[in-house]
């Protein structure tokens, strides 16, 4: 009878120990496992298998992302003669010569003056148009924060 009582007491202790082990594997732990271990498996009894998965929350602050944006921009060149004086002078001389070919006497003088004024205006506009075509393309980049 003492043997049966001893066996029963031993079996009770074994069941009690295994139920404590089972409770430890299913209850949250106050001392978390190291971060390198993500899964821990415990065997309570041959019939039951308990697996504990540890999840960690990331508390890292996300930094704003920056990226580089590049674009090709057409830029007008700075003219050497911003007042178009050369075009006006050449046009004035050419207009004056053409006006001088027309008429005689005071009419010739008037045609020369009118040709010089008209030629000067035409020369200025032609040079403005030519300067507007003087452009180049620049590759510009800047940082964009998202």
N, C-alpha and C. Protein backbone atom coordinates (compact mmCIF):
# COMPACT_ATOMS: atom_id res chain seq x y z
N UNK A 1 0.81 -1.16 0.00
CA UNK A 1 0.00 0.00 0.00
C UNK A 1 0.87 1.25 0.00
N UNK A 2 1.94 1.22 0.72
CA UNK A 2 2.84 2.35 0.74
C UNK A 2 3.40 2.61 -0.65
N UNK A 3 3.62 1.58 -1.44
CA UNK A 3 4.13 1.75 -2.80
C UNK A 3 3.11 2.45 -3.67
N UNK A 4 1.84 2.07 -3.51
CA UNK A 4 0.79 2.71 -4.29
C UNK A 4 0.65 4.18 -3.89
N UNK A 5 0.77 4.48 -2.65
CA UNK A 5 0.66 5.85 -2.16
C UNK A 5 1.84 6.66 -2.67
N UNK A 6 3.03 6.07 -2.65
CA UNK A 6 4.21 6.76 -3.14
C UNK A 6 4.10 7.03 -4.64
N UNK A 7 3.60 6.04 -5.39
CA UNK A 7 3.42 6.23 -6.83
C UNK A 7 2.38 7.30 -7.11
N UNK A 8 1.30 7.29 -6.37
CA UNK A 8 0.24 8.29 -6.56
C UNK A 8 0.77 9.68 -6.23
N UNK A 9 1.55 9.80 -5.16
CA UNK A 9 2.12 11.09 -4.78
C UNK A 9 3.11 11.56 -5.84
N UNK A 10 3.92 10.65 -6.37
CA UNK A 10 4.89 11.00 -7.41
C UNK A 10 4.19 11.43 -8.69
N UNK A 11 3.11 10.73 -9.06
CA UNK A 11 2.34 11.07 -10.24
C UNK A 11 1.68 12.43 -10.06
N UNK A 12 1.17 12.70 -8.84
CA UNK A 12 0.56 14.01 -8.56
C UNK A 12 1.57 15.12 -8.69
N UNK A 13 2.78 14.90 -8.15
CA UNK A 13 3.83 15.92 -8.27
C UNK A 13 4.23 16.14 -9.72
N UNK A 14 4.29 15.06 -10.48
CA UNK A 14 4.63 15.18 -11.89
C UNK A 14 3.57 15.97 -12.63
N UNK A 15 2.31 15.70 -12.39
CA UNK A 15 1.23 16.45 -13.02
C UNK A 15 1.24 17.90 -12.58
N UNK A 16 1.47 18.14 -11.32
CA UNK A 16 1.52 19.49 -10.80
C UNK A 16 2.68 20.26 -11.44
N UNK A 17 3.84 19.64 -11.55
CA UNK A 17 5.00 20.28 -12.16
C UNK A 17 4.74 20.56 -13.63
N UNK A 18 4.11 19.59 -14.30
CA UNK A 18 3.86 19.81 -15.73
C UNK A 18 2.81 20.89 -15.93
N UNK A 19 1.82 21.00 -15.04
CA UNK A 19 0.83 22.07 -15.19
C UNK A 19 1.45 23.43 -14.90
N UNK A 20 2.41 23.51 -13.96
CA UNK A 20 3.14 24.76 -13.71
C UNK A 20 3.97 25.14 -14.93
N UNK A 21 4.59 24.16 -15.56
CA UNK A 21 5.39 24.39 -16.77
C UNK A 21 4.50 24.88 -17.89
N UNK A 22 3.33 24.29 -18.02
CA UNK A 22 2.37 24.71 -19.04
C UNK A 22 1.92 26.15 -18.78
N UNK A 23 1.66 26.49 -17.53
CA UNK A 23 1.23 27.84 -17.19
C UNK A 23 2.32 28.86 -17.50
N UNK A 24 3.58 28.48 -17.30
CA UNK A 24 4.68 29.39 -17.58
C UNK A 24 4.82 29.64 -19.07
N UNK A 25 4.51 28.65 -19.89
CA UNK A 25 4.68 28.83 -21.34
C UNK A 25 3.54 29.60 -21.96
N UNK A 26 2.37 29.63 -21.32
CA UNK A 26 1.24 30.35 -21.90
C UNK A 26 1.04 31.72 -21.29
N UNK A 27 1.53 31.96 -20.07
CA UNK A 27 1.37 33.27 -19.42
C UNK A 27 2.45 34.21 -19.92
N UNK A 28 2.15 35.55 -19.96
CA UNK A 28 3.19 36.49 -20.37
C UNK A 28 4.33 36.51 -19.36
N UNK A 29 5.52 36.58 -19.86
CA UNK A 29 6.71 36.54 -19.02
C UNK A 29 7.08 37.94 -18.57
N UNK A 30 7.49 38.07 -17.31
CA UNK A 30 7.94 39.37 -16.83
C UNK A 30 9.36 39.65 -17.30
N UNK A 31 10.14 38.61 -17.59
CA UNK A 31 11.49 38.77 -18.12
C UNK A 31 11.47 38.28 -19.55
N UNK A 32 11.39 39.18 -20.53
CA UNK A 32 11.33 38.73 -21.92
C UNK A 32 12.63 38.07 -22.34
N UNK A 33 12.49 37.21 -23.30
CA UNK A 33 13.66 36.49 -23.84
C UNK A 33 14.52 37.47 -24.62
N UNK A 34 15.78 37.15 -24.85
CA UNK A 34 16.65 38.03 -25.63
C UNK A 34 16.08 38.24 -27.03
N UNK A 35 16.42 39.37 -27.64
CA UNK A 35 15.86 39.73 -28.94
C UNK A 35 16.27 38.77 -30.04
N UNK A 36 17.35 38.02 -29.84
CA UNK A 36 17.80 37.11 -30.89
C UNK A 36 16.93 35.86 -30.96
N UNK A 37 16.21 35.56 -29.90
CA UNK A 37 15.37 34.38 -29.89
C UNK A 37 13.95 34.80 -30.19
N UNK A 38 13.39 34.37 -31.30
CA UNK A 38 12.05 34.80 -31.67
C UNK A 38 11.01 33.73 -31.37
N UNK A 39 11.37 32.47 -31.24
CA UNK A 39 10.41 31.40 -30.98
C UNK A 39 11.00 30.45 -29.95
N UNK A 40 10.20 30.10 -28.93
CA UNK A 40 10.63 29.15 -27.91
C UNK A 40 9.60 28.04 -27.85
N UNK A 41 10.00 26.79 -27.90
CA UNK A 41 9.07 25.67 -27.86
C UNK A 41 9.28 24.89 -26.56
N UNK A 42 8.17 24.53 -25.89
CA UNK A 42 8.22 23.74 -24.68
C UNK A 42 7.30 22.54 -24.87
N UNK A 43 7.68 21.41 -24.34
CA UNK A 43 6.85 20.22 -24.40
C UNK A 43 6.34 19.93 -23.00
N UNK A 44 5.05 20.07 -22.78
CA UNK A 44 4.47 19.85 -21.46
C UNK A 44 4.28 18.36 -21.22
N UNK A 45 3.64 17.71 -22.12
CA UNK A 45 3.42 16.27 -22.04
C UNK A 45 3.59 15.72 -23.44
N UNK A 46 3.73 14.42 -23.59
CA UNK A 46 3.88 13.88 -24.93
C UNK A 46 2.67 14.17 -25.83
N UNK A 47 1.49 14.43 -25.26
CA UNK A 47 0.30 14.65 -26.07
C UNK A 47 0.13 16.13 -26.44
N UNK A 48 0.74 17.06 -25.70
CA UNK A 48 0.53 18.49 -25.94
C UNK A 48 1.86 19.15 -26.30
N UNK A 49 1.78 20.06 -27.28
CA UNK A 49 2.96 20.85 -27.65
C UNK A 49 2.53 22.31 -27.60
N UNK A 50 3.26 23.10 -26.85
CA UNK A 50 2.94 24.51 -26.70
C UNK A 50 4.09 25.31 -27.30
N UNK A 51 3.74 26.26 -28.16
CA UNK A 51 4.75 27.11 -28.78
C UNK A 51 4.45 28.55 -28.38
N UNK A 52 5.48 29.24 -27.94
CA UNK A 52 5.33 30.63 -27.53
C UNK A 52 6.03 31.50 -28.56
N UNK A 53 5.30 32.47 -29.10
CA UNK A 53 5.87 33.41 -30.07
C UNK A 53 6.04 34.75 -29.39
N UNK A 54 7.22 35.31 -29.53
CA UNK A 54 7.48 36.61 -28.94
C UNK A 54 7.45 37.65 -30.04
N UNK A 55 6.70 38.71 -29.83
CA UNK A 55 6.66 39.81 -30.78
C UNK A 55 7.23 41.04 -30.10
N UNK A 56 7.97 41.81 -30.85
CA UNK A 56 8.53 43.04 -30.31
C UNK A 56 7.97 44.20 -31.10
N UNK A 57 7.68 45.27 -30.40
CA UNK A 57 7.20 46.47 -31.07
C UNK A 57 8.37 47.38 -31.33
N UNK A 58 8.38 47.95 -32.52
CA UNK A 58 9.44 48.87 -32.88
C UNK A 58 9.05 50.26 -32.43
N UNK A 59 9.90 50.88 -31.66
CA UNK A 59 9.64 52.24 -31.19
C UNK A 59 10.56 53.23 -31.89
N UNK A 60 11.19 52.80 -32.97
CA UNK A 60 12.10 53.68 -33.68
C UNK A 60 11.32 54.80 -34.35
N UNK A 61 11.87 55.99 -34.31
CA UNK A 61 11.25 57.14 -34.95
C UNK A 61 11.63 57.11 -36.42
N UNK A 62 10.63 57.20 -37.28
CA UNK A 62 10.92 57.20 -38.71
C UNK A 62 11.39 58.59 -39.11
N UNK A 63 12.50 58.62 -39.81
CA UNK A 63 13.07 59.87 -40.28
C UNK A 63 12.35 60.29 -41.57
N UNK A 64 12.18 61.58 -41.80
CA UNK A 64 11.58 62.00 -43.06
C UNK A 64 12.49 61.60 -44.21
N UNK A 65 11.88 61.10 -45.26
CA UNK A 65 12.66 60.67 -46.42
C UNK A 65 12.91 61.86 -47.33
N UNK A 66 14.13 61.95 -47.82
CA UNK A 66 14.45 62.98 -48.79
C UNK A 66 14.88 62.31 -50.08
N UNK A 67 14.54 62.95 -51.16
CA UNK A 67 14.96 62.44 -52.45
C UNK A 67 15.40 63.61 -53.31
N UNK A 68 16.21 63.32 -54.29
CA UNK A 68 16.73 64.34 -55.17
C UNK A 68 15.89 64.37 -56.44
N UNK A 69 15.41 65.56 -56.78
CA UNK A 69 14.63 65.74 -58.00
C UNK A 69 15.46 66.60 -58.94
N UNK A 70 15.67 66.09 -60.16
CA UNK A 70 16.45 66.81 -61.16
C UNK A 70 15.57 67.13 -62.36
N UNK A 71 15.83 68.25 -62.98
CA UNK A 71 15.09 68.64 -64.16
C UNK A 71 15.98 69.47 -65.08
N UNK A 72 15.67 69.44 -66.36
CA UNK A 72 16.37 70.25 -67.33
C UNK A 72 15.61 71.56 -67.50
N UNK A 73 16.32 72.68 -67.35
CA UNK A 73 15.70 74.00 -67.42
C UNK A 73 16.36 74.79 -68.53
N UNK A 74 15.55 75.38 -69.40
CA UNK A 74 16.07 76.24 -70.46
C UNK A 74 16.28 77.63 -69.89
N UNK A 75 17.50 78.13 -70.00
CA UNK A 75 17.87 79.42 -69.43
C UNK A 75 18.33 80.34 -70.55
N UNK A 76 17.82 81.57 -70.53
CA UNK A 76 18.23 82.54 -71.54
C UNK A 76 19.57 83.13 -71.15
N UNK A 77 20.48 83.17 -72.12
CA UNK A 77 21.81 83.73 -71.86
C UNK A 77 21.70 85.24 -71.68
N UNK A 78 22.57 85.77 -70.85
CA UNK A 78 22.62 87.22 -70.65
C UNK A 78 23.29 87.84 -71.86
N UNK A 79 22.58 88.77 -72.53
CA UNK A 79 23.18 89.36 -73.74
C UNK A 79 24.34 90.29 -73.39
N UNK A 80 25.29 90.33 -74.29
CA UNK A 80 26.42 91.24 -74.09
C UNK A 80 25.99 92.68 -74.31
N UNK A 81 25.05 92.89 -75.23
CA UNK A 81 24.55 94.22 -75.56
C UNK A 81 23.07 94.25 -75.19
N UNK A 82 22.78 94.51 -73.91
CA UNK A 82 21.39 94.43 -73.46
C UNK A 82 20.51 95.53 -74.04
N UNK A 83 21.07 96.61 -74.48
CA UNK A 83 20.28 97.71 -75.06
C UNK A 83 20.18 97.63 -76.58
N UNK A 84 20.75 96.62 -77.18
CA UNK A 84 20.72 96.41 -78.63
C UNK A 84 21.26 97.63 -79.41
N UNK A 85 22.29 98.22 -78.87
CA UNK A 85 22.87 99.41 -79.52
C UNK A 85 23.51 99.06 -80.85
N UNK A 86 24.18 97.90 -80.93
CA UNK A 86 24.84 97.52 -82.18
C UNK A 86 23.80 97.34 -83.29
N UNK A 87 22.68 96.66 -82.97
CA UNK A 87 21.64 96.45 -83.98
C UNK A 87 21.02 97.75 -84.43
N UNK A 88 20.82 98.67 -83.47
CA UNK A 88 20.24 99.96 -83.80
C UNK A 88 21.20 100.76 -84.69
N UNK A 89 22.48 100.73 -84.38
CA UNK A 89 23.45 101.50 -85.17
C UNK A 89 23.58 100.95 -86.59
N UNK A 90 23.69 99.64 -86.70
CA UNK A 90 23.82 99.03 -88.04
C UNK A 90 22.55 99.28 -88.85
N UNK A 91 21.38 99.11 -88.20
CA UNK A 91 20.12 99.37 -88.90
C UNK A 91 19.98 100.82 -89.32
N UNK A 92 20.40 101.72 -88.44
CA UNK A 92 20.33 103.16 -88.78
C UNK A 92 21.20 103.51 -89.97
N UNK A 93 22.41 102.99 -90.01
CA UNK A 93 23.31 103.26 -91.13
C UNK A 93 22.73 102.67 -92.42
N UNK A 94 22.26 101.43 -92.35
CA UNK A 94 21.70 100.79 -93.55
C UNK A 94 20.45 101.54 -94.03
N UNK A 95 19.57 101.92 -93.09
CA UNK A 95 18.36 102.67 -93.46
C UNK A 95 18.70 104.03 -94.03
N UNK A 96 19.67 104.69 -93.44
CA UNK A 96 20.10 106.01 -93.95
C UNK A 96 20.66 105.90 -95.36
N UNK A 97 21.45 104.88 -95.64
CA UNK A 97 21.99 104.70 -96.99
C UNK A 97 20.87 104.44 -98.00
N UNK A 98 19.90 103.59 -97.61
CA UNK A 98 18.79 103.33 -98.52
C UNK A 98 17.94 104.59 -98.73
N UNK A 99 17.68 105.34 -97.66
CA UNK A 99 16.89 106.57 -97.76
C UNK A 99 17.60 107.62 -98.61
N UNK A 100 18.91 107.66 -98.58
CA UNK A 100 19.69 108.61 -99.36
C UNK A 100 19.57 108.31 -100.85
N UNK A 101 19.26 107.08 -101.21
CA UNK A 101 19.14 106.71 -102.62
C UNK A 101 17.82 107.22 -103.22
N UNK A 102 16.92 107.59 -102.36
CA UNK A 102 15.60 108.00 -102.82
C UNK A 102 15.52 109.53 -102.78
N UNK A 103 14.93 110.12 -103.76
CA UNK A 103 14.64 111.55 -103.79
C UNK A 103 15.85 112.41 -104.11
N UNK A 104 15.56 113.72 -104.09
CA UNK A 104 16.61 114.69 -104.37
C UNK A 104 16.32 115.95 -103.55
N UNK A 105 17.33 116.73 -103.25
CA UNK A 105 17.16 117.97 -102.50
C UNK A 105 16.75 117.70 -101.06
N UNK A 106 15.69 118.49 -100.62
CA UNK A 106 15.20 118.33 -99.25
C UNK A 106 14.51 116.98 -99.09
N UNK A 107 13.98 116.43 -100.11
CA UNK A 107 13.33 115.12 -100.05
C UNK A 107 14.34 114.01 -99.75
N UNK A 108 15.54 114.21 -100.32
CA UNK A 108 16.60 113.22 -100.05
C UNK A 108 16.99 113.26 -98.59
N UNK A 109 17.11 114.46 -98.02
CA UNK A 109 17.47 114.60 -96.61
C UNK A 109 16.40 113.97 -95.73
N UNK A 110 15.12 114.23 -96.05
CA UNK A 110 14.02 113.66 -95.29
C UNK A 110 14.01 112.14 -95.41
N UNK A 111 14.25 111.60 -96.60
CA UNK A 111 14.28 110.14 -96.82
C UNK A 111 15.46 109.53 -96.08
N UNK A 112 16.60 110.20 -96.01
CA UNK A 112 17.76 109.68 -95.30
C UNK A 112 17.47 109.61 -93.80
N UNK A 113 16.87 110.66 -93.23
CA UNK A 113 16.53 110.68 -91.81
C UNK A 113 15.49 109.59 -91.51
N UNK A 114 14.46 109.50 -92.34
CA UNK A 114 13.41 108.49 -92.12
C UNK A 114 14.00 107.08 -92.24
N UNK A 115 14.89 106.87 -93.22
CA UNK A 115 15.53 105.57 -93.38
C UNK A 115 16.40 105.22 -92.18
N UNK A 116 17.11 106.21 -91.64
CA UNK A 116 17.98 105.98 -90.48
C UNK A 116 17.14 105.63 -89.25
N UNK A 117 16.02 106.35 -89.04
CA UNK A 117 15.16 106.07 -87.87
C UNK A 117 14.52 104.69 -88.03
N UNK A 118 13.95 104.43 -89.20
CA UNK A 118 13.31 103.13 -89.45
C UNK A 118 14.30 101.98 -89.37
N UNK A 119 15.49 102.20 -89.94
CA UNK A 119 16.53 101.17 -89.90
C UNK A 119 17.02 100.90 -88.49
N UNK A 120 17.12 102.00 -87.69
CA UNK A 120 17.54 101.84 -86.29
C UNK A 120 16.53 101.01 -85.49
N UNK A 121 15.23 101.30 -85.70
CA UNK A 121 14.19 100.54 -85.00
C UNK A 121 14.19 99.07 -85.46
N UNK A 122 14.30 98.86 -86.76
CA UNK A 122 14.31 97.50 -87.28
C UNK A 122 15.54 96.74 -86.77
N UNK A 123 16.70 97.40 -86.74
CA UNK A 123 17.92 96.76 -86.25
C UNK A 123 17.82 96.37 -84.78
N UNK A 124 17.19 97.25 -83.99
CA UNK A 124 17.00 96.95 -82.56
C UNK A 124 16.11 95.72 -82.39
N UNK A 125 14.99 95.65 -83.09
CA UNK A 125 14.08 94.51 -82.97
C UNK A 125 14.71 93.21 -83.47
N UNK A 126 15.48 93.29 -84.53
CA UNK A 126 16.15 92.09 -85.05
C UNK A 126 17.15 91.56 -84.03
N UNK A 127 17.91 92.48 -83.41
CA UNK A 127 18.88 92.04 -82.40
C UNK A 127 18.18 91.47 -81.16
N UNK A 128 17.04 92.05 -80.74
CA UNK A 128 16.27 91.50 -79.62
C UNK A 128 15.85 90.06 -79.91
N UNK A 129 15.35 89.84 -81.12
CA UNK A 129 14.90 88.50 -81.51
C UNK A 129 16.08 87.50 -81.51
N UNK A 130 17.22 87.94 -82.00
CA UNK A 130 18.39 87.06 -82.03
C UNK A 130 18.88 86.74 -80.61
N UNK A 131 18.84 87.73 -79.73
CA UNK A 131 19.27 87.50 -78.35
C UNK A 131 18.31 86.57 -77.61
N UNK A 132 17.02 86.62 -77.95
CA UNK A 132 16.04 85.75 -77.30
C UNK A 132 16.29 84.29 -77.66
N UNK A 133 16.88 84.04 -78.80
CA UNK A 133 17.18 82.66 -79.21
C UNK A 133 18.44 82.11 -78.54
N UNK A 134 19.23 82.96 -77.92
CA UNK A 134 20.47 82.53 -77.26
C UNK A 134 20.13 81.94 -75.90
N UNK A 135 19.90 80.63 -75.87
CA UNK A 135 19.57 79.93 -74.64
C UNK A 135 20.45 78.70 -74.50
N UNK A 136 20.48 78.16 -73.30
CA UNK A 136 21.15 76.89 -73.06
C UNK A 136 20.34 76.12 -72.01
N UNK A 137 20.57 74.82 -71.94
CA UNK A 137 19.84 73.97 -71.01
C UNK A 137 20.74 73.65 -69.82
N UNK A 138 20.20 73.88 -68.63
CA UNK A 138 20.93 73.56 -67.40
C UNK A 138 20.23 72.41 -66.70
N UNK A 139 21.01 71.52 -66.12
CA UNK A 139 20.49 70.38 -65.35
C UNK A 139 20.51 70.81 -63.89
N UNK A 140 19.31 71.05 -63.30
CA UNK A 140 19.22 71.53 -61.92
C UNK A 140 18.61 70.46 -61.03
N UNK A 141 19.19 70.29 -59.85
CA UNK A 141 18.71 69.31 -58.89
C UNK A 141 18.45 69.98 -57.55
N UNK A 142 17.44 69.46 -56.82
CA UNK A 142 17.16 69.96 -55.48
C UNK A 142 16.58 68.83 -54.65
N UNK A 143 16.72 68.96 -53.33
CA UNK A 143 16.26 67.94 -52.39
C UNK A 143 14.80 68.18 -52.04
N UNK A 144 14.02 67.10 -52.02
CA UNK A 144 12.61 67.17 -51.64
C UNK A 144 12.41 66.27 -50.43
N UNK A 145 11.81 66.81 -49.35
CA UNK A 145 11.54 66.04 -48.15
C UNK A 145 10.09 65.57 -48.18
N UNK A 146 9.91 64.27 -47.97
CA UNK A 146 8.56 63.71 -48.01
C UNK A 146 8.09 63.40 -46.62
